[in-house]
Amino acid sequence: MVAPILTIAEAAPLLAGRGSLVGLDLGTRTIGIASSDPDRRLATPVETIARKQFTPDAARILSLAEARGAAGFVLGLPVNMDGSEGPRAQSARAFARNFARLTELPIILWDERLSTAAVEREMIATDMSRARRAEVVDQQAAVFILQGALDRLRHIAGDR
């Protein structure tokens, strides 16, 4: 079975009551990974994968998800500021399609406009060194993406 690729509104009623979500920030050279608690309240950084090839990268993500009892994935979709989708968004959608063949867990696409920029500003404001920022920016961007999705899920649940 191929996993569904959904918007947050489509995914909300399909997600199990408990179980962590794994957030992914896809970069050209790295993949930042974050995870939520089983109650989906707080996103925390997990690790950054140096991208090699799709198969080993996907295997690592699936391994991390299994270890955390994941109920689904939140994949950052880098939409342009005008709402259009350029090459980076197309690449994220292609990753989602390929990844969906390897799991039955739903994949939620989340608009990640300015996530890395927001995280960079936050880290600079805390006087974090450039070297340390480079080490954690992708994980923190994944946290930013995942936390936004978690907050939206809570809002959707409150609307029902």
N, C-alpha and C. Protein backbone atom coordinates (compact mmCIF):
# COMPACT_ATOMS: atom_id res chain seq x y z
N MET A 1 0.85 -1.20 0.00
CA MET A 1 0.00 0.00 0.00
C MET A 1 0.88 1.25 0.00
N VAL A 2 0.44 2.26 -0.70
CA VAL A 2 1.16 3.52 -0.77
C VAL A 2 0.54 4.49 0.22
N ALA A 3 1.37 5.20 0.95
CA ALA A 3 0.88 6.16 1.94
C ALA A 3 0.17 7.31 1.24
N PRO A 4 -0.86 7.84 1.89
CA PRO A 4 -1.50 9.02 1.33
C PRO A 4 -0.64 10.26 1.54
N ILE A 5 -0.69 11.18 0.59
CA ILE A 5 -0.02 12.47 0.71
C ILE A 5 -1.13 13.50 0.82
N LEU A 6 -1.19 14.19 1.96
CA LEU A 6 -2.36 14.98 2.31
C LEU A 6 -2.02 16.39 2.77
N THR A 7 -3.03 17.23 2.78
CA THR A 7 -2.91 18.52 3.47
C THR A 7 -3.20 18.25 4.95
N ILE A 8 -2.93 19.21 5.79
CA ILE A 8 -3.17 19.05 7.22
C ILE A 8 -4.66 18.85 7.50
N ALA A 9 -5.53 19.55 6.79
CA ALA A 9 -6.98 19.41 7.00
C ALA A 9 -7.46 18.02 6.60
N GLU A 10 -6.92 17.48 5.51
CA GLU A 10 -7.29 16.14 5.08
C GLU A 10 -6.78 15.08 6.05
N ALA A 11 -5.60 15.30 6.61
CA ALA A 11 -4.97 14.30 7.48
C ALA A 11 -5.56 14.26 8.88
N ALA A 12 -6.02 15.39 9.39
CA ALA A 12 -6.47 15.48 10.79
C ALA A 12 -7.44 14.36 11.19
N PRO A 13 -8.50 14.09 10.42
CA PRO A 13 -9.42 13.04 10.87
C PRO A 13 -8.87 11.62 10.69
N LEU A 14 -7.81 11.47 9.92
CA LEU A 14 -7.26 10.14 9.65
C LEU A 14 -6.17 9.71 10.62
N LEU A 15 -5.60 10.66 11.36
CA LEU A 15 -4.51 10.33 12.26
C LEU A 15 -5.02 9.60 13.50
N ALA A 16 -4.26 8.61 13.94
CA ALA A 16 -4.59 7.91 15.18
C ALA A 16 -4.62 8.93 16.33
N GLY A 17 -5.35 8.60 17.38
CA GLY A 17 -5.48 9.51 18.53
C GLY A 17 -4.17 9.88 19.18
N ARG A 18 -3.25 8.94 19.21
CA ARG A 18 -1.92 9.18 19.79
C ARG A 18 -0.86 8.68 18.85
N GLY A 19 0.33 9.14 19.04
CA GLY A 19 1.46 8.74 18.22
C GLY A 19 2.18 9.96 17.72
N SER A 20 3.48 9.91 17.76
CA SER A 20 4.26 11.08 17.37
C SER A 20 4.16 11.33 15.87
N LEU A 21 4.47 12.54 15.50
CA LEU A 21 4.64 12.89 14.09
C LEU A 21 6.11 13.22 13.90
N VAL A 22 6.64 12.90 12.74
CA VAL A 22 8.03 13.18 12.41
C VAL A 22 8.04 14.30 11.38
N GLY A 23 8.74 15.38 11.70
CA GLY A 23 8.85 16.53 10.80
C GLY A 23 10.12 16.45 9.98
N LEU A 24 10.02 16.81 8.70
CA LEU A 24 11.16 16.75 7.79
C LEU A 24 11.35 18.09 7.09
N ASP A 25 12.57 18.59 7.15
CA ASP A 25 12.95 19.79 6.39
C ASP A 25 13.94 19.33 5.34
N LEU A 26 13.50 19.24 4.09
CA LEU A 26 14.35 18.76 3.01
C LEU A 26 15.21 19.88 2.46
N GLY A 27 16.50 19.68 2.54
CA GLY A 27 17.42 20.60 1.90
C GLY A 27 18.10 19.87 0.76
N THR A 28 18.90 20.58 -0.01
CA THR A 28 19.59 19.93 -1.11
C THR A 28 20.72 19.03 -0.62
N ARG A 29 21.32 19.40 0.52
CA ARG A 29 22.45 18.62 1.05
C ARG A 29 22.11 17.88 2.34
N THR A 30 21.06 18.30 3.03
CA THR A 30 20.72 17.69 4.31
C THR A 30 19.21 17.55 4.47
N ILE A 31 18.83 16.72 5.44
CA ILE A 31 17.42 16.59 5.84
C ILE A 31 17.38 16.79 7.34
N GLY A 32 16.69 17.84 7.78
CA GLY A 32 16.51 18.07 9.20
C GLY A 32 15.32 17.25 9.68
N ILE A 33 15.46 16.63 10.84
CA ILE A 33 14.40 15.78 11.37
C ILE A 33 14.04 16.21 12.78
N ALA A 34 12.74 16.29 13.02
CA ALA A 34 12.20 16.59 14.34
C ALA A 34 11.11 15.57 14.64
N SER A 35 10.75 15.47 15.90
CA SER A 35 9.69 14.55 16.30
C SER A 35 8.85 15.20 17.38
N SER A 36 7.60 14.79 17.43
CA SER A 36 6.73 15.28 18.49
C SER A 36 6.59 14.22 19.57
N ASP A 37 6.03 14.64 20.69
CA ASP A 37 5.67 13.68 21.73
C ASP A 37 4.43 12.92 21.23
N PRO A 38 4.07 11.79 21.86
CA PRO A 38 2.91 11.01 21.40
C PRO A 38 1.59 11.77 21.43
N ASP A 39 1.48 12.78 22.30
CA ASP A 39 0.26 13.57 22.36
C ASP A 39 0.26 14.74 21.37
N ARG A 40 1.34 14.87 20.64
CA ARG A 40 1.49 15.89 19.58
C ARG A 40 1.34 17.31 20.08
N ARG A 41 2.04 17.60 21.16
CA ARG A 41 2.01 18.96 21.71
C ARG A 41 3.29 19.73 21.42
N LEU A 42 4.43 19.04 21.45
CA LEU A 42 5.72 19.72 21.35
C LEU A 42 6.65 19.03 20.37
N ALA A 43 7.23 19.80 19.48
CA ALA A 43 8.22 19.29 18.53
C ALA A 43 9.62 19.48 19.10
N THR A 44 10.46 18.49 18.93
CA THR A 44 11.85 18.58 19.39
C THR A 44 12.78 18.10 18.28
N PRO A 45 14.01 18.64 18.25
CA PRO A 45 14.95 18.22 17.21
C PRO A 45 15.42 16.78 17.42
N VAL A 46 15.69 16.09 16.33
CA VAL A 46 16.19 14.72 16.40
C VAL A 46 17.60 14.64 15.83
N GLU A 47 17.74 14.91 14.55
CA GLU A 47 19.06 14.88 13.93
C GLU A 47 19.01 15.48 12.54
N THR A 48 20.18 15.62 11.96
CA THR A 48 20.31 16.07 10.58
C THR A 48 20.99 14.96 9.80
N ILE A 49 20.39 14.58 8.70
CA ILE A 49 20.96 13.56 7.83
C ILE A 49 21.68 14.27 6.69
N ALA A 50 22.93 13.89 6.46
CA ALA A 50 23.64 14.37 5.28
C ALA A 50 23.13 13.53 4.11
N ARG A 51 22.50 14.18 3.15
CA ARG A 51 21.88 13.44 2.04
C ARG A 51 22.93 12.72 1.21
N LYS A 52 22.63 11.46 0.92
CA LYS A 52 23.49 10.65 0.06
C LYS A 52 22.67 10.22 -1.15
N GLN A 53 21.85 9.21 -0.93
CA GLN A 53 20.94 8.74 -1.97
C GLN A 53 19.59 8.53 -1.32
N PHE A 54 18.54 8.52 -2.13
CA PHE A 54 17.19 8.42 -1.58
C PHE A 54 17.02 7.20 -0.68
N THR A 55 17.44 6.03 -1.14
CA THR A 55 17.17 4.79 -0.40
C THR A 55 17.76 4.79 1.01
N PRO A 56 19.05 5.07 1.19
CA PRO A 56 19.56 5.09 2.57
C PRO A 56 18.99 6.25 3.41
N ASP A 57 18.72 7.39 2.78
CA ASP A 57 18.13 8.51 3.50
C ASP A 57 16.73 8.13 4.00
N ALA A 58 15.93 7.53 3.13
CA ALA A 58 14.58 7.13 3.50
C ALA A 58 14.62 6.04 4.58
N ALA A 59 15.56 5.12 4.46
CA ALA A 59 15.68 4.05 5.47
C ALA A 59 15.98 4.63 6.84
N ARG A 60 16.83 5.64 6.91
CA ARG A 60 17.15 6.27 8.18
C ARG A 60 15.92 6.98 8.76
N ILE A 61 15.19 7.68 7.93
CA ILE A 61 13.98 8.37 8.39
C ILE A 61 12.97 7.36 8.91
N LEU A 62 12.76 6.28 8.19
CA LEU A 62 11.81 5.25 8.62
C LEU A 62 12.25 4.60 9.92
N SER A 63 13.54 4.40 10.08
CA SER A 63 14.07 3.83 11.32
C SER A 63 13.79 4.76 12.51
N LEU A 64 14.04 6.04 12.32
CA LEU A 64 13.78 7.02 13.38
C LEU A 64 12.28 7.08 13.70
N ALA A 65 11.46 7.01 12.67
CA ALA A 65 10.01 7.05 12.87
C ALA A 65 9.53 5.82 13.64
N GLU A 66 10.04 4.67 13.28
CA GLU A 66 9.64 3.44 13.97
C GLU A 66 10.05 3.48 15.45
N ALA A 67 11.25 3.96 15.71
CA ALA A 67 11.74 4.04 17.10
C ALA A 67 10.87 4.97 17.95
N ARG A 68 10.21 5.93 17.31
CA ARG A 68 9.39 6.90 18.03
C ARG A 68 7.90 6.58 17.97
N GLY A 69 7.55 5.45 17.39
CA GLY A 69 6.14 5.08 17.29
C GLY A 69 5.34 6.09 16.50
N ALA A 70 5.89 6.53 15.39
CA ALA A 70 5.27 7.60 14.60
C ALA A 70 3.94 7.18 14.00
N ALA A 71 3.03 8.15 13.93
CA ALA A 71 1.72 7.96 13.32
C ALA A 71 1.66 8.64 11.95
N GLY A 72 2.71 9.39 11.60
CA GLY A 72 2.72 10.08 10.32
C GLY A 72 3.92 11.00 10.20
N PHE A 73 4.02 11.63 9.04
CA PHE A 73 5.13 12.52 8.72
C PHE A 73 4.59 13.89 8.32
N VAL A 74 5.34 14.92 8.65
CA VAL A 74 5.04 16.28 8.19
C VAL A 74 6.24 16.74 7.38
N LEU A 75 6.02 16.92 6.10
CA LEU A 75 7.08 17.29 5.18
C LEU A 75 6.93 18.75 4.78
N GLY A 76 7.97 19.53 5.02
CA GLY A 76 7.94 20.94 4.65
C GLY A 76 7.87 21.10 3.15
N LEU A 77 6.92 21.90 2.68
CA LEU A 77 6.76 22.20 1.26
C LEU A 77 7.17 23.65 1.03
N PRO A 78 8.32 23.86 0.37
CA PRO A 78 8.83 25.23 0.19
C PRO A 78 8.09 25.99 -0.92
N VAL A 79 6.98 26.58 -0.53
CA VAL A 79 6.16 27.35 -1.46
C VAL A 79 6.77 28.75 -1.60
N ASN A 80 6.69 29.31 -2.80
CA ASN A 80 7.16 30.68 -3.02
C ASN A 80 6.27 31.67 -2.27
N MET A 81 6.79 32.86 -2.06
CA MET A 81 6.05 33.87 -1.31
C MET A 81 4.71 34.22 -1.96
N ASP A 82 4.60 34.09 -3.28
CA ASP A 82 3.34 34.39 -3.96
C ASP A 82 2.39 33.18 -4.00
N GLY A 83 2.79 32.10 -3.34
CA GLY A 83 1.94 30.90 -3.28
C GLY A 83 2.19 29.91 -4.39
N SER A 84 3.02 30.28 -5.36
CA SER A 84 3.32 29.35 -6.45
C SER A 84 4.36 28.32 -5.99
N GLU A 85 4.49 27.27 -6.76
CA GLU A 85 5.45 26.22 -6.44
C GLU A 85 6.54 26.19 -7.51
N GLY A 86 7.78 26.34 -7.05
CA GLY A 86 8.92 26.30 -7.94
C GLY A 86 9.61 24.95 -7.88
N PRO A 87 10.85 24.90 -8.36
CA PRO A 87 11.60 23.64 -8.40
C PRO A 87 11.79 22.97 -7.04
N ARG A 88 11.99 23.77 -5.98
CA ARG A 88 12.18 23.16 -4.65
C ARG A 88 10.91 22.47 -4.17
N ALA A 89 9.76 23.08 -4.42
CA ALA A 89 8.49 22.46 -4.03
C ALA A 89 8.25 21.20 -4.86
N GLN A 90 8.58 21.26 -6.14
CA GLN A 90 8.42 20.08 -7.00
C GLN A 90 9.32 18.95 -6.51
N SER A 91 10.52 19.29 -6.07
CA SER A 91 11.44 18.30 -5.53
C SER A 91 10.88 17.68 -4.25
N ALA A 92 10.29 18.50 -3.38
CA ALA A 92 9.69 17.98 -2.14
C ALA A 92 8.51 17.06 -2.46
N ARG A 93 7.70 17.42 -3.44
CA ARG A 93 6.58 16.57 -3.84
C ARG A 93 7.08 15.24 -4.41
N ALA A 94 8.16 15.29 -5.18
CA ALA A 94 8.74 14.05 -5.74
C ALA A 94 9.27 13.17 -4.61
N PHE A 95 9.93 13.78 -3.62
CA PHE A 95 10.41 13.03 -2.46
C PHE A 95 9.22 12.37 -1.77
N ALA A 96 8.13 13.12 -1.57
CA ALA A 96 6.93 12.58 -0.90
C ALA A 96 6.36 11.40 -1.68
N ARG A 97 6.28 11.51 -2.99
CA ARG A 97 5.75 10.41 -3.81
C ARG A 97 6.61 9.16 -3.67
N ASN A 98 7.93 9.33 -3.73
CA ASN A 98 8.84 8.18 -3.60
C ASN A 98 8.80 7.60 -2.19
N PHE A 99 8.75 8.47 -1.20
CA PHE A 99 8.72 8.04 0.20
C PHE A 99 7.41 7.31 0.51
N ALA A 100 6.32 7.74 -0.10
CA ALA A 100 5.01 7.14 0.12
C ALA A 100 4.98 5.67 -0.28
N ARG A 101 5.85 5.28 -1.18
CA ARG A 101 5.92 3.88 -1.61
C ARG A 101 6.56 2.98 -0.55
N LEU A 102 7.21 3.60 0.44
CA LEU A 102 7.95 2.84 1.45
C LEU A 102 7.24 2.75 2.79
N THR A 103 6.13 3.44 2.95
CA THR A 103 5.43 3.48 4.24
C THR A 103 3.93 3.56 4.01
N GLU A 104 3.18 3.16 5.01
CA GLU A 104 1.73 3.32 4.97
C GLU A 104 1.30 4.52 5.80
N LEU A 105 2.24 5.12 6.52
CA LEU A 105 1.91 6.27 7.36
C LEU A 105 1.64 7.50 6.49
N PRO A 106 0.63 8.29 6.85
CA PRO A 106 0.31 9.46 6.04
C PRO A 106 1.45 10.48 6.02
N ILE A 107 1.56 11.14 4.90
CA ILE A 107 2.55 12.20 4.72
C ILE A 107 1.78 13.50 4.53
N ILE A 108 2.01 14.42 5.44
CA ILE A 108 1.32 15.71 5.42
C ILE A 108 2.27 16.75 4.83
N LEU A 109 1.82 17.45 3.80
CA LEU A 109 2.61 18.53 3.23
C LEU A 109 2.24 19.82 3.96
N TRP A 110 3.27 20.52 4.45
CA TRP A 110 3.05 21.73 5.25
C TRP A 110 3.83 22.89 4.64
N ASP A 111 3.14 23.98 4.38
CA ASP A 111 3.76 25.18 3.83
C ASP A 111 4.84 25.68 4.78
N GLU A 112 6.06 25.66 4.32
CA GLU A 112 7.18 26.03 5.20
C GLU A 112 7.82 27.36 4.83
N ARG A 113 7.07 28.24 4.19
CA ARG A 113 7.63 29.53 3.80
C ARG A 113 8.38 30.18 4.95
N LEU A 114 9.60 30.56 4.69
CA LEU A 114 10.45 31.31 5.62
C LEU A 114 10.84 30.56 6.89
N SER A 115 10.65 29.25 6.95
CA SER A 115 10.99 28.52 8.18
C SER A 115 12.47 28.62 8.51
N THR A 116 13.33 28.38 7.53
CA THR A 116 14.77 28.44 7.80
C THR A 116 15.19 29.86 8.15
N ALA A 117 14.63 30.85 7.47
CA ALA A 117 14.97 32.24 7.76
C ALA A 117 14.55 32.60 9.18
N ALA A 118 13.37 32.16 9.61
CA ALA A 118 12.89 32.45 10.96
C ALA A 118 13.79 31.80 12.00
N VAL A 119 14.18 30.57 11.73
CA VAL A 119 15.06 29.85 12.66
C VAL A 119 16.42 30.52 12.74
N GLU A 120 16.96 30.92 11.59
CA GLU A 120 18.26 31.61 11.56
C GLU A 120 18.20 32.89 12.41
N ARG A 121 17.15 33.69 12.23
CA ARG A 121 17.00 34.93 13.00
C ARG A 121 16.95 34.63 14.50
N GLU A 122 16.22 33.60 14.86
CA GLU A 122 16.09 33.23 16.26
C GLU A 122 17.45 32.81 16.85
N MET A 123 18.20 32.03 16.10
CA MET A 123 19.51 31.57 16.59
C MET A 123 20.50 32.73 16.68
N ILE A 124 20.45 33.64 15.73
CA ILE A 124 21.32 34.82 15.78
C ILE A 124 20.97 35.66 17.00
N ALA A 125 19.67 35.80 17.26
CA ALA A 125 19.23 36.59 18.42
C ALA A 125 19.72 36.01 19.74
N THR A 126 19.92 34.69 19.78
CA THR A 126 20.43 34.06 21.00
C THR A 126 21.95 34.04 21.02
N ASP A 127 22.57 34.71 20.04
CA ASP A 127 24.03 34.83 19.96
C ASP A 127 24.72 33.48 19.73
N MET A 128 24.05 32.61 19.01
CA MET A 128 24.64 31.31 18.69
C MET A 128 25.72 31.50 17.62
N SER A 129 26.83 30.80 17.77
CA SER A 129 27.93 30.94 16.82
C SER A 129 27.51 30.44 15.43
N ARG A 130 28.16 30.96 14.42
CA ARG A 130 27.87 30.57 13.04
C ARG A 130 28.08 29.06 12.85
N ALA A 131 29.14 28.52 13.44
CA ALA A 131 29.42 27.09 13.31
C ALA A 131 28.31 26.25 13.94
N ARG A 132 27.87 26.65 15.12
CA ARG A 132 26.80 25.91 15.80
C ARG A 132 25.49 26.03 15.04
N ARG A 133 25.21 27.23 14.49
CA ARG A 133 23.99 27.41 13.70
C ARG A 133 23.99 26.46 12.51
N ALA A 134 25.13 26.34 11.84
CA ALA A 134 25.23 25.46 10.68
C ALA A 134 24.94 24.00 11.05
N GLU A 135 25.33 23.62 12.27
CA GLU A 135 25.11 22.25 12.73
C GLU A 135 23.64 21.94 12.98
N VAL A 136 22.88 22.92 13.47
CA VAL A 136 21.52 22.63 13.94
C VAL A 136 20.40 23.31 13.15
N VAL A 137 20.72 24.13 12.16
CA VAL A 137 19.68 24.89 11.48
C VAL A 137 18.63 23.99 10.83
N ASP A 138 19.03 22.88 10.24
CA ASP A 138 18.06 22.01 9.57
C ASP A 138 17.15 21.31 10.57
N GLN A 139 17.72 20.87 11.69
CA GLN A 139 16.89 20.27 12.74
C GLN A 139 15.89 21.29 13.28
N GLN A 140 16.38 22.50 13.52
CA GLN A 140 15.51 23.55 14.07
C GLN A 140 14.44 23.96 13.06
N ALA A 141 14.77 23.95 11.77
CA ALA A 141 13.77 24.24 10.75
C ALA A 141 12.71 23.14 10.75
N ALA A 142 13.12 21.89 10.94
CA ALA A 142 12.16 20.78 11.03
C ALA A 142 11.26 20.95 12.25
N VAL A 143 11.83 21.42 13.36
CA VAL A 143 11.04 21.69 14.56
C VAL A 143 10.01 22.79 14.26
N PHE A 144 10.44 23.85 13.60
CA PHE A 144 9.57 24.97 13.25
C PHE A 144 8.40 24.49 12.38
N ILE A 145 8.71 23.68 11.38
CA ILE A 145 7.69 23.12 10.48
C ILE A 145 6.72 22.25 11.26
N LEU A 146 7.27 21.32 12.03
CA LEU A 146 6.43 20.38 12.77
C LEU A 146 5.58 21.09 13.81
N GLN A 147 6.14 22.05 14.53
CA GLN A 147 5.37 22.75 15.57
C GLN A 147 4.21 23.52 14.94
N GLY A 148 4.44 24.12 13.79
CA GLY A 148 3.35 24.81 13.09
C GLY A 148 2.23 23.85 12.75
N ALA A 149 2.59 22.65 12.27
CA ALA A 149 1.58 21.65 11.93
C ALA A 149 0.85 21.15 13.18
N LEU A 150 1.59 20.93 14.26
CA LEU A 150 0.97 20.48 15.52
C LEU A 150 -0.04 21.51 16.02
N ASP A 151 0.36 22.78 15.97
CA ASP A 151 -0.54 23.86 16.42
C ASP A 151 -1.80 23.90 15.56
N ARG A 152 -1.63 23.71 14.27
CA ARG A 152 -2.79 23.71 13.36
C ARG A 152 -3.68 22.51 13.63
N LEU A 153 -3.10 21.35 13.88
CA LEU A 153 -3.90 20.15 14.20
C LEU A 153 -4.75 20.38 15.45
N ARG A 154 -4.17 21.00 16.47
CA ARG A 154 -4.93 21.30 17.68
C ARG A 154 -6.09 22.25 17.38
N HIS A 155 -5.81 23.22 16.52
CA HIS A 155 -6.86 24.18 16.14
C HIS A 155 -8.00 23.47 15.37
N ILE A 156 -7.63 22.58 14.45
CA ILE A 156 -8.63 21.83 13.69
C ILE A 156 -9.47 20.96 14.63
N ALA A 157 -8.80 20.30 15.58
CA ALA A 157 -9.52 19.45 16.55
C ALA A 157 -10.48 20.27 17.39
N GLY A 158 -10.10 21.51 17.69
CA GLY A 158 -10.97 22.39 18.47
C GLY A 158 -12.17 22.86 17.68
N ASP A 159 -12.06 22.87 16.35
CA ASP A 159 -13.16 23.31 15.50
C ASP A 159 -14.26 22.25 15.36
N ARG A 160 -13.92 21.01 15.68
CA ARG A 160 -14.91 19.93 15.49
C ARG A 160 -15.93 19.93 16.58
